[in-house]
Amino acid sequence: RATRATAGTGAKAFLDQRILLEAKRLLAHTDLPVGRCAHHLGFRDTGNFTTFFRRQTGLAPTSWADMARS
């Protein structure tokens, strides 16, 4: 309830947004491969991270990173 009152969204959505923001930062501003980014963000499996990222953005992490860097 506190997250919804403060941020206007549920706790899960709030955490997903924060994880996505950090993922985008890592992909755009570092040379870390996707697997290392996934591990840094707490994902045990790169595939799970890729699924999460694609669900949130509509793009694979590598595709998004290529666009962000160009």
PDB file of N, CA and C in Angstrom:
ATOM      1  N   ARG A   1       0.824  -1.202   0.000  1.00  0.00           N
ATOM      2  CA  ARG A   1       0.000   0.000   0.000  1.00  0.00           C
ATOM      3  C   ARG A   1       0.859   1.252   0.000  1.00  0.00           C
ATOM      4  N   ALA A   2       1.958   1.201   0.722  1.00  0.00           N
ATOM      5  CA  ALA A   2       2.833   2.373   0.801  1.00  0.00           C
ATOM      6  C   ALA A   2       3.420   2.716  -0.570  1.00  0.00           C
ATOM      7  N   THR A   3       3.814   1.700  -1.327  1.00  0.00           N
ATOM      8  CA  THR A   3       4.364   1.948  -2.659  1.00  0.00           C
ATOM      9  C   THR A   3       3.314   2.558  -3.571  1.00  0.00           C
ATOM     10  N   ARG A   4       2.105   2.033  -3.507  1.00  0.00           N
ATOM     11  CA  ARG A   4       1.034   2.571  -4.346  1.00  0.00           C
ATOM     12  C   ARG A   4       0.723   4.017  -3.957  1.00  0.00           C
ATOM     13  N   ALA A   5       0.705   4.308  -2.670  1.00  0.00           N
ATOM     14  CA  ALA A   5       0.409   5.663  -2.212  1.00  0.00           C
ATOM     15  C   ALA A   5       1.517   6.642  -2.599  1.00  0.00           C
ATOM     16  N   THR A   6       2.753   6.192  -2.532  1.00  0.00           N
ATOM     17  CA  THR A   6       3.888   7.070  -2.805  1.00  0.00           C
ATOM     18  C   THR A   6       4.208   7.171  -4.288  1.00  0.00           C
ATOM     19  N   ALA A   7       4.284   6.036  -4.959  1.00  0.00           N
ATOM     20  CA  ALA A   7       4.733   6.010  -6.355  1.00  0.00           C
ATOM     21  C   ALA A   7       3.584   5.885  -7.349  1.00  0.00           C
ATOM     22  N   GLY A   8       2.379   5.595  -6.863  1.00  0.00           N
ATOM     23  CA  GLY A   8       1.238   5.462  -7.763  1.00  0.00           C
ATOM     24  C   GLY A   8       1.189   4.140  -8.490  1.00  0.00           C
ATOM     25  N   THR A   9       1.960   3.170  -8.031  1.00  0.00           N
ATOM     26  CA  THR A   9       1.991   1.860  -8.662  1.00  0.00           C
ATOM     27  C   THR A   9       2.243   0.801  -7.589  1.00  0.00           C
ATOM     28  N   GLY A  10       1.961  -0.428  -7.907  1.00  0.00           N
ATOM     29  CA  GLY A  10       2.191  -1.507  -6.964  1.00  0.00           C
ATOM     30  C   GLY A  10       3.679  -1.778  -6.770  1.00  0.00           C
ATOM     31  N   ALA A  11       4.001  -2.533  -5.736  1.00  0.00           N
ATOM     32  CA  ALA A  11       5.394  -2.816  -5.400  1.00  0.00           C
ATOM     33  C   ALA A  11       6.104  -3.566  -6.525  1.00  0.00           C
ATOM     34  N   LYS A  12       5.460  -4.572  -7.098  1.00  0.00           N
ATOM     35  CA  LYS A  12       6.089  -5.362  -8.174  1.00  0.00           C
ATOM     36  C   LYS A  12       6.382  -4.488  -9.375  1.00  0.00           C
ATOM     37  N   ALA A  13       5.427  -3.687  -9.797  1.00  0.00           N
ATOM     38  CA  ALA A  13       5.640  -2.798 -10.947  1.00  0.00           C
ATOM     39  C   ALA A  13       6.734  -1.776 -10.649  1.00  0.00           C
ATOM     40  N   PHE A  14       6.757  -1.268  -9.433  1.00  0.00           N
ATOM     41  CA  PHE A  14       7.781  -0.296  -9.042  1.00  0.00           C
ATOM     42  C   PHE A  14       9.170  -0.930  -9.123  1.00  0.00           C
ATOM     43  N   LEU A  15       9.313  -2.130  -8.572  1.00  0.00           N
ATOM     44  CA  LEU A  15      10.606  -2.820  -8.621  1.00  0.00           C
ATOM     45  C   LEU A  15      11.008  -3.142 -10.059  1.00  0.00           C
ATOM     46  N   ASP A  16      10.048  -3.602 -10.862  1.00  0.00           N
ATOM     47  CA  ASP A  16      10.340  -3.895 -12.268  1.00  0.00           C
ATOM     48  C   ASP A  16      10.831  -2.643 -12.995  1.00  0.00           C
ATOM     49  N   GLN A  17      10.225  -1.501 -12.722  1.00  0.00           N
ATOM     50  CA  GLN A  17      10.645  -0.252 -13.358  1.00  0.00           C
ATOM     51  C   GLN A  17      12.064   0.120 -12.944  1.00  0.00           C
ATOM     52  N   ARG A  18      12.386  -0.054 -11.682  1.00  0.00           N
ATOM     53  CA  ARG A  18      13.733   0.269 -11.192  1.00  0.00           C
ATOM     54  C   ARG A  18      14.775  -0.678 -11.790  1.00  0.00           C
ATOM     55  N   ILE A  19      14.445  -1.965 -11.875  1.00  0.00           N
ATOM     56  CA  ILE A  19      15.355  -2.939 -12.474  1.00  0.00           C
ATOM     57  C   ILE A  19      15.556  -2.612 -13.949  1.00  0.00           C
ATOM     58  N   LEU A  20      14.480  -2.283 -14.643  1.00  0.00           N
ATOM     59  CA  LEU A  20      14.577  -1.935 -16.061  1.00  0.00           C
ATOM     60  C   LEU A  20      15.430  -0.686 -16.253  1.00  0.00           C
ATOM     61  N   LEU A  21      15.256   0.300 -15.423  1.00  0.00           N
ATOM     62  CA  LEU A  21      16.052   1.522 -15.519  1.00  0.00           C
ATOM     63  C   LEU A  21      17.545   1.214 -15.357  1.00  0.00           C
ATOM     64  N   GLU A  22      17.883   0.394 -14.376  1.00  0.00           N
ATOM     65  CA  GLU A  22      19.288   0.032 -14.159  1.00  0.00           C
ATOM     66  C   GLU A  22      19.805  -0.825 -15.312  1.00  0.00           C
ATOM     67  N   ALA A  23      18.977  -1.714 -15.833  1.00  0.00           N
ATOM     68  CA  ALA A  23      19.382  -2.533 -16.973  1.00  0.00           C
ATOM     69  C   ALA A  23      19.700  -1.646 -18.174  1.00  0.00           C
ATOM     70  N   LYS A  24      18.850  -0.681 -18.434  1.00  0.00           N
ATOM     71  CA  LYS A  24      19.091   0.236 -19.555  1.00  0.00           C
ATOM     72  C   LYS A  24      20.377   1.028 -19.339  1.00  0.00           C
ATOM     73  N   ARG A  25      20.610   1.465 -18.111  1.00  0.00           N
ATOM     74  CA  ARG A  25      21.829   2.213 -17.822  1.00  0.00           C
ATOM     75  C   ARG A  25      23.066   1.360 -18.083  1.00  0.00           C
ATOM     76  N   LEU A  26      23.037   0.121 -17.594  1.00  0.00           N
ATOM     77  CA  LEU A  26      24.182  -0.769 -17.798  1.00  0.00           C
ATOM     78  C   LEU A  26      24.404  -1.065 -19.274  1.00  0.00           C
ATOM     79  N   LEU A  27      23.335  -1.324 -19.992  1.00  0.00           N
ATOM     80  CA  LEU A  27      23.458  -1.670 -21.406  1.00  0.00           C
ATOM     81  C   LEU A  27      23.920  -0.491 -22.250  1.00  0.00           C
ATOM     82  N   ALA A  28      23.488   0.702 -21.902  1.00  0.00           N
ATOM     83  CA  ALA A  28      23.822   1.884 -22.700  1.00  0.00           C
ATOM     84  C   ALA A  28      25.185   2.467 -22.360  1.00  0.00           C
ATOM     85  N   HIS A  29      25.622   2.342 -21.115  1.00  0.00           N
ATOM     86  CA  HIS A  29      26.798   3.087 -20.674  1.00  0.00           C
ATOM     87  C   HIS A  29      27.974   2.230 -20.220  1.00  0.00           C
ATOM     88  N   THR A  30      27.866   0.925 -20.380  1.00  0.00           N
ATOM     89  CA  THR A  30      28.991   0.046 -20.058  1.00  0.00           C
ATOM     90  C   THR A  30      29.188  -0.920 -21.211  1.00  0.00           C
ATOM     91  N   ASP A  31      30.290  -1.625 -21.174  1.00  0.00           N
ATOM     92  CA  ASP A  31      30.559  -2.643 -22.190  1.00  0.00           C
ATOM     93  C   ASP A  31      30.267  -4.044 -21.670  1.00  0.00           C
ATOM     94  N   LEU A  32      29.516  -4.121 -20.567  1.00  0.00           N
ATOM     95  CA  LEU A  32      29.179  -5.430 -20.008  1.00  0.00           C
ATOM     96  C   LEU A  32      28.303  -6.208 -20.986  1.00  0.00           C
ATOM     97  N   PRO A  33      28.583  -7.494 -21.179  1.00  0.00           N
ATOM     98  CA  PRO A  33      27.691  -8.323 -21.986  1.00  0.00           C
ATOM     99  C   PRO A  33      26.355  -8.532 -21.258  1.00  0.00           C
ATOM    100  N   VAL A  34      25.371  -8.933 -21.987  1.00  0.00           N
ATOM    101  CA  VAL A  34      24.025  -9.111 -21.435  1.00  0.00           C
ATOM    102  C   VAL A  34      24.036 -10.061 -20.245  1.00  0.00           C
ATOM    103  N   GLY A  35      24.773 -11.132 -20.329  1.00  0.00           N
ATOM    104  CA  GLY A  35      24.834 -12.100 -19.238  1.00  0.00           C
ATOM    105  C   GLY A  35      25.356 -11.501 -17.945  1.00  0.00           C
ATOM    106  N   ARG A  36      26.359 -10.642 -18.040  1.00  0.00           N
ATOM    107  CA  ARG A  36      26.904  -9.978 -16.848  1.00  0.00           C
ATOM    108  C   ARG A  36      25.919  -8.967 -16.289  1.00  0.00           C
ATOM    109  N   CYS A  37      25.228  -8.253 -17.178  1.00  0.00           N
ATOM    110  CA  CYS A  37      24.186  -7.318 -16.731  1.00  0.00           C
ATOM    111  C   CYS A  37      23.103  -8.087 -15.981  1.00  0.00           C
ATOM    112  N   ALA A  38      22.693  -9.205 -16.553  1.00  0.00           N
ATOM    113  CA  ALA A  38      21.657 -10.021 -15.926  1.00  0.00           C
ATOM    114  C   ALA A  38      22.092 -10.453 -14.529  1.00  0.00           C
ATOM    115  N   HIS A  39      23.303 -10.932 -14.417  1.00  0.00           N
ATOM    116  CA  HIS A  39      23.819 -11.379 -13.118  1.00  0.00           C
ATOM    117  C   HIS A  39      23.898 -10.204 -12.136  1.00  0.00           C
ATOM    118  N   HIS A  40      24.368  -9.067 -12.610  1.00  0.00           N
ATOM    119  CA  HIS A  40      24.482  -7.875 -11.761  1.00  0.00           C
ATOM    120  C   HIS A  40      23.116  -7.458 -11.210  1.00  0.00           C
ATOM    121  N   LEU A  41      22.069  -7.683 -11.995  1.00  0.00           N
ATOM    122  CA  LEU A  41      20.716  -7.287 -11.601  1.00  0.00           C
ATOM    123  C   LEU A  41      19.991  -8.360 -10.796  1.00  0.00           C
ATOM    124  N   GLY A  42      20.656  -9.488 -10.561  1.00  0.00           N
ATOM    125  CA  GLY A  42      20.058 -10.526  -9.728  1.00  0.00           C
ATOM    126  C   GLY A  42      19.367 -11.645 -10.475  1.00  0.00           C
ATOM    127  N   PHE A  43      19.489 -11.671 -11.787  1.00  0.00           N
ATOM    128  CA  PHE A  43      18.906 -12.760 -12.567  1.00  0.00           C
ATOM    129  C   PHE A  43      19.889 -13.920 -12.589  1.00  0.00           C
ATOM    130  N   ARG A  44      19.417 -15.107 -12.314  1.00  0.00           N
ATOM    131  CA  ARG A  44      20.289 -16.287 -12.328  1.00  0.00           C
ATOM    132  C   ARG A  44      20.532 -16.785 -13.742  1.00  0.00           C
ATOM    133  N   ASP A  45      19.614 -16.452 -14.630  1.00  0.00           N
ATOM    134  CA  ASP A  45      19.670 -16.973 -15.989  1.00  0.00           C
ATOM    135  C   ASP A  45      19.530 -15.824 -16.982  1.00  0.00           C
ATOM    136  N   THR A  46      20.391 -15.775 -17.977  1.00  0.00           N
ATOM    137  CA  THR A  46      20.336 -14.724 -18.986  1.00  0.00           C
ATOM    138  C   THR A  46      19.015 -14.769 -19.747  1.00  0.00           C
ATOM    139  N   GLY A  47      18.504 -15.962 -19.966  1.00  0.00           N
ATOM    140  CA  GLY A  47      17.226 -16.108 -20.676  1.00  0.00           C
ATOM    141  C   GLY A  47      16.082 -15.445 -19.937  1.00  0.00           C
ATOM    142  N   ASN A  48      16.072 -15.571 -18.620  1.00  0.00           N
ATOM    143  CA  ASN A  48      15.020 -14.919 -17.831  1.00  0.00           C
ATOM    144  C   ASN A  48      15.135 -13.403 -17.925  1.00  0.00           C
ATOM    145  N   PHE A  49      16.363 -12.893 -17.891  1.00  0.00           N
ATOM    146  CA  PHE A  49      16.571 -11.460 -18.031  1.00  0.00           C
ATOM    147  C   PHE A  49      16.107 -10.983 -19.408  1.00  0.00           C
ATOM    148  N   THR A  50      16.465 -11.729 -20.440  1.00  0.00           N
ATOM    149  CA  THR A  50      16.064 -11.358 -21.797  1.00  0.00           C
ATOM    150  C   THR A  50      14.549 -11.339 -21.925  1.00  0.00           C
ATOM    151  N   THR A  51      13.881 -12.323 -21.361  1.00  0.00           N
ATOM    152  CA  THR A  51      12.411 -12.357 -21.384  1.00  0.00           C
ATOM    153  C   THR A  51      11.832 -11.160 -20.641  1.00  0.00           C
ATOM    154  N   PHE A  52      12.360 -10.863 -19.457  1.00  0.00           N
ATOM    155  CA  PHE A  52      11.921  -9.698 -18.685  1.00  0.00           C
ATOM    156  C   PHE A  52      12.110  -8.416 -19.496  1.00  0.00           C
ATOM    157  N   PHE A  53      13.298  -8.236 -20.050  1.00  0.00           N
ATOM    158  CA  PHE A  53      13.615  -7.010 -20.777  1.00  0.00           C
ATOM    159  C   PHE A  53      12.724  -6.872 -22.011  1.00  0.00           C
ATOM    160  N   ARG A  54      12.548  -7.959 -22.747  1.00  0.00           N
ATOM    161  CA  ARG A  54      11.718  -7.923 -23.960  1.00  0.00           C
ATOM    162  C   ARG A  54      10.254  -7.633 -23.609  1.00  0.00           C
ATOM    163  N   ARG A  55       9.773  -8.179 -22.512  1.00  0.00           N
ATOM    164  CA  ARG A  55       8.394  -7.933 -22.080  1.00  0.00           C
ATOM    165  C   ARG A  55       8.203  -6.456 -21.730  1.00  0.00           C
ATOM    166  N   GLN A  56       9.220  -5.834 -21.148  1.00  0.00           N
ATOM    167  CA  GLN A  56       9.117  -4.441 -20.726  1.00  0.00           C
ATOM    168  C   GLN A  56       9.309  -3.455 -21.880  1.00  0.00           C
ATOM    169  N   THR A  57      10.195  -3.789 -22.823  1.00  0.00           N
ATOM    170  CA  THR A  57      10.567  -2.825 -23.861  1.00  0.00           C
ATOM    171  C   THR A  57      10.128  -3.209 -25.270  1.00  0.00           C
ATOM    172  N   GLY A  58       9.856  -4.476 -25.480  1.00  0.00           N
ATOM    173  CA  GLY A  58       9.530  -4.940 -26.828  1.00  0.00           C
ATOM    174  C   GLY A  58      10.760  -5.286 -27.648  1.00  0.00           C
ATOM    175  N   LEU A  59      11.952  -5.138 -27.052  1.00  0.00           N
ATOM    176  CA  LEU A  59      13.202  -5.426 -27.753  1.00  0.00           C
ATOM    177  C   LEU A  59      14.087  -6.330 -26.910  1.00  0.00           C
ATOM    178  N   ALA A  60      14.935  -7.084 -27.583  1.00  0.00           N
ATOM    179  CA  ALA A  60      15.948  -7.864 -26.878  1.00  0.00           C
ATOM    180  C   ALA A  60      16.984  -6.899 -26.308  1.00  0.00           C
ATOM    181  N   PRO A  61      17.633  -7.257 -25.220  1.00  0.00           N
ATOM    182  CA  PRO A  61      18.626  -6.363 -24.618  1.00  0.00           C
ATOM    183  C   PRO A  61      19.720  -5.924 -25.594  1.00  0.00           C
ATOM    184  N   THR A  62      20.213  -6.842 -26.415  1.00  0.00           N
ATOM    185  CA  THR A  62      21.267  -6.478 -27.366  1.00  0.00           C
ATOM    186  C   THR A  62      20.763  -5.488 -28.404  1.00  0.00           C
ATOM    187  N   SER A  63      19.543  -5.676 -28.881  1.00  0.00           N
ATOM    188  CA  SER A  63      18.966  -4.742 -29.850  1.00  0.00           C
ATOM    189  C   SER A  63      18.783  -3.371 -29.225  1.00  0.00           C
ATOM    190  N   TRP A  64      18.282  -3.339 -28.001  1.00  0.00           N
ATOM    191  CA  TRP A  64      18.084  -2.059 -27.316  1.00  0.00           C
ATOM    192  C   TRP A  64      19.425  -1.362 -27.099  1.00  0.00           C
ATOM    193  N   ALA A  65      20.437  -2.116 -26.679  1.00  0.00           N
ATOM    194  CA  ALA A  65      21.761  -1.541 -26.427  1.00  0.00           C
ATOM    195  C   ALA A  65      22.356  -0.973 -27.714  1.00  0.00           C
ATOM    196  N   ASP A  66      22.207  -1.688 -28.818  1.00  0.00           N
ATOM    197  CA  ASP A  66      22.713  -1.181 -30.102  1.00  0.00           C
ATOM    198  C   ASP A  66      22.059   0.141 -30.468  1.00  0.00           C
ATOM    199  N   MET A  67      20.743   0.223 -30.275  1.00  0.00           N
ATOM    200  CA  MET A  67      20.023   1.470 -30.580  1.00  0.00           C
ATOM    201  C   MET A  67      20.452   2.593 -29.639  1.00  0.00           C
ATOM    202  N   ALA A  68      20.623   2.286 -28.377  1.00  0.00           N
ATOM    203  CA  ALA A  68      20.981   3.305 -27.377  1.00  0.00           C
ATOM    204  C   ALA A  68      22.375   3.865 -27.622  1.00  0.00           C
ATOM    205  N   ARG A  69      23.258   3.032 -28.100  1.00  0.00           N
ATOM    206  CA  ARG A  69      24.647   3.460 -28.308  1.00  0.00           C
ATOM    207  C   ARG A  69      24.847   4.192 -29.627  1.00  0.00           C
ATOM    208  N   SER A  70      23.888   4.069 -30.531  1.00  0.00           N
ATOM    209  CA  SER A  70      24.062   4.735 -31.842  1.00  0.00           C
ATOM    210  C   SER A  70      23.356   6.070 -31.910  1.00  0.00           C
TER     211      SER A  70
END
